[in-house]
Amino acid sequence: MQAINQPATTPYQRIGGDAAIRKLVDRFYELMDELPEAYTARKIHPQDLTESGNKFFDFLSGWLGGPQRFVEKYGHPMLRRRHFPYAIGPEERDQWLMCMKQALEETVEDVSLRDALYAQFAQLGEHMRNRGGDIQACGHAGS
């Protein structure tokens, strides 16, 4: 049982902080680059994935309860708005999630954390979808 006034452990702390997030991000982009079945998702990214990886690292840091690097550098993430210029349909979403699932399996030892993170990534992936099938209107446009 947690002591009174002791802060809850964040996913950022549970995953292992910066080093673990960097490992996850690096493996994710390696998989996206390596797996032929991720081609459709990969082609909407720039040829050089360095900046994408750095931004994703900054985003995940804050998203998981750690330092808010992305917000400090770029402002509110506004993920849908930032991704709207790219056609993200079910195929792109599923390929992105395939790479993330494998990266999580290879880099996050805590099974309950890995499953919880994947569930959140699945919701995020669907939130980013802007093409194909029923797109549910988001109650907070531009987020």
Protein backbone atom coordinates (compact mmCIF):
# COMPACT_ATOMS: atom_id res chain seq x y z
CA MET A 1 0.00 0.00 0.00
CA GLN A 2 1.24 3.48 -0.89
CA ALA A 3 2.05 5.91 1.89
CA ILE A 4 -0.11 9.00 2.23
CA ASN A 5 1.31 12.01 0.34
CA GLN A 6 3.74 9.78 -1.55
CA PRO A 7 3.39 10.52 -5.27
CA ALA A 8 2.21 7.68 -7.48
CA THR A 9 4.77 6.07 -9.73
CA THR A 10 4.37 7.39 -13.27
CA PRO A 11 4.66 5.27 -16.41
CA TYR A 12 7.80 7.34 -17.12
CA GLN A 13 9.34 6.03 -13.89
CA ARG A 14 8.03 2.49 -14.38
CA ILE A 15 9.46 2.19 -17.87
CA GLY A 16 12.89 3.35 -16.69
CA GLY A 17 13.02 7.04 -17.63
CA ASP A 18 14.93 8.58 -20.50
CA ALA A 19 17.18 5.62 -21.31
CA ALA A 20 14.25 3.21 -21.65
CA ILE A 21 12.17 5.66 -23.69
CA ARG A 22 15.10 6.29 -26.05
CA LYS A 23 15.55 2.53 -26.45
CA LEU A 24 11.84 2.11 -27.25
CA VAL A 25 11.81 4.98 -29.76
CA ASP A 26 15.01 3.83 -31.46
CA ARG A 27 13.73 0.27 -31.80
CA PHE A 28 10.35 1.50 -33.05
CA TYR A 29 11.94 3.48 -35.88
CA GLU A 30 14.38 0.66 -36.69
CA LEU A 31 11.41 -1.66 -37.14
CA MET A 32 9.57 0.87 -39.25
CA ASP A 33 12.65 1.12 -41.46
CA GLU A 34 13.33 -2.62 -41.60
CA LEU A 35 9.94 -4.30 -41.91
CA PRO A 36 8.53 -4.46 -45.44
CA GLU A 37 5.05 -4.82 -43.94
CA ALA A 38 5.46 -1.31 -42.45
CA TYR A 39 6.11 0.30 -45.84
CA THR A 40 2.90 2.32 -46.08
CA ALA A 41 3.38 3.87 -42.62
CA ARG A 42 7.11 4.41 -43.23
CA LYS A 43 6.63 6.34 -46.47
CA ILE A 44 4.70 9.13 -44.73
CA HIS A 45 7.81 9.83 -42.62
CA PRO A 46 10.88 11.75 -43.80
CA GLN A 47 13.79 9.77 -45.26
CA ASP A 48 15.96 10.64 -42.25
CA LEU A 49 14.12 9.61 -39.10
CA THR A 50 16.42 11.46 -36.68
CA GLU A 51 14.15 14.45 -36.10
CA SER A 52 11.04 12.25 -35.95
CA GLY A 53 12.74 10.09 -33.33
CA ASN A 54 13.79 13.08 -31.27
CA LYS A 55 10.31 14.59 -31.35
CA PHE A 56 8.71 11.26 -30.48
CA PHE A 57 11.15 10.86 -27.57
CA ASP A 58 10.27 14.35 -26.34
CA PHE A 59 6.54 13.63 -26.70
CA LEU A 60 6.69 10.25 -24.95
CA SER A 61 8.66 11.73 -22.05
CA GLY A 62 5.78 14.05 -21.19
CA TRP A 63 3.00 11.67 -22.25
CA LEU A 64 4.34 9.11 -19.79
CA GLY A 65 4.55 11.59 -16.92
CA GLY A 66 8.16 12.70 -17.20
CA PRO A 67 9.70 15.99 -18.32
CA GLN A 68 7.45 17.96 -20.68
CA ARG A 69 10.15 18.40 -23.32
CA PHE A 70 7.83 18.48 -26.33
CA VAL A 71 5.62 21.17 -24.82
CA GLU A 72 8.67 23.23 -23.81
CA LYS A 73 10.13 23.06 -27.35
CA TYR A 74 7.06 23.06 -29.60
CA GLY A 75 4.00 23.94 -27.52
CA HIS A 76 0.91 21.77 -27.08
CA PRO A 77 1.26 18.56 -29.10
CA MET A 78 -2.03 19.02 -31.01
CA LEU A 79 -1.38 15.59 -32.48
CA ARG A 80 -4.32 15.39 -34.88
CA ARG A 81 -3.59 18.83 -36.28
CA ARG A 82 0.13 18.09 -36.70
CA HIS A 83 -0.63 14.80 -38.45
CA PHE A 84 -3.58 15.91 -40.56
CA PRO A 85 -1.48 16.66 -43.69
CA TYR A 86 -0.61 12.95 -43.82
CA ALA A 87 -3.10 10.36 -45.00
CA ILE A 88 -3.49 8.06 -42.00
CA GLY A 89 -5.98 5.32 -42.62
CA PRO A 90 -6.47 1.90 -41.08
CA GLU A 91 -3.45 0.47 -42.95
CA GLU A 92 -1.05 3.17 -41.72
CA ARG A 93 -2.46 2.94 -38.19
CA ASP A 94 -2.12 -0.84 -38.11
CA GLN A 95 1.43 -0.78 -39.45
CA TRP A 96 2.45 1.89 -36.92
CA LEU A 97 0.90 -0.20 -34.14
CA MET A 98 2.61 -3.36 -35.39
CA CYS A 99 6.00 -1.66 -35.08
CA MET A 100 5.10 -0.23 -31.67
CA LYS A 101 3.87 -3.57 -30.36
CA GLN A 102 7.08 -5.30 -31.38
CA ALA A 103 9.24 -2.46 -30.00
CA LEU A 104 7.36 -2.65 -26.69
CA GLU A 105 7.75 -6.44 -26.56
CA GLU A 106 11.50 -6.13 -27.17
CA THR A 107 12.22 -3.24 -24.80
CA VAL A 108 9.70 -3.24 -21.93
CA GLU A 109 10.07 -6.18 -19.55
CA ASP A 110 7.13 -5.33 -17.27
CA VAL A 111 4.25 -7.17 -18.97
CA SER A 112 1.48 -5.21 -17.25
CA LEU A 113 3.12 -1.90 -18.18
CA ARG A 114 3.74 -3.09 -21.74
CA ASP A 115 0.09 -4.13 -22.14
CA ALA A 116 -1.17 -0.87 -20.64
CA LEU A 117 1.10 1.18 -22.92
CA TYR A 118 0.03 -0.77 -25.98
CA ALA A 119 -3.63 -0.15 -25.14
CA GLN A 120 -2.90 3.57 -24.92
CA PHE A 121 -0.94 3.51 -28.19
CA ALA A 122 -3.84 1.71 -29.87
CA GLN A 123 -6.19 4.51 -28.77
CA LEU A 124 -3.66 7.09 -29.93
CA GLY A 125 -3.27 5.36 -33.29
CA GLU A 126 -7.01 5.41 -33.85
CA HIS A 127 -7.15 9.06 -32.76
CA MET A 128 -4.59 9.91 -35.47
CA ARG A 129 -6.59 8.18 -38.21
CA ASN A 130 -7.97 10.76 -40.61
CA ARG A 131 -8.86 8.62 -43.63
CA GLY A 132 -10.93 5.51 -44.29
CA GLY A 133 -14.08 4.28 -42.58
CA ASP A 134 -16.05 6.21 -40.03
CA ILE A 135 -13.93 8.96 -38.52
CA GLN A 136 -15.45 9.95 -35.22
CA ALA A 137 -15.50 13.67 -34.65
CA CYS A 138 -13.18 14.55 -31.84
CA GLY A 139 -14.64 16.70 -29.08
CA HIS A 140 -11.40 18.62 -28.85
CA ALA A 141 -10.45 19.56 -32.39
CA GLY A 142 -6.80 20.02 -33.09
CA SER A 143 -5.69 17.89 -30.20
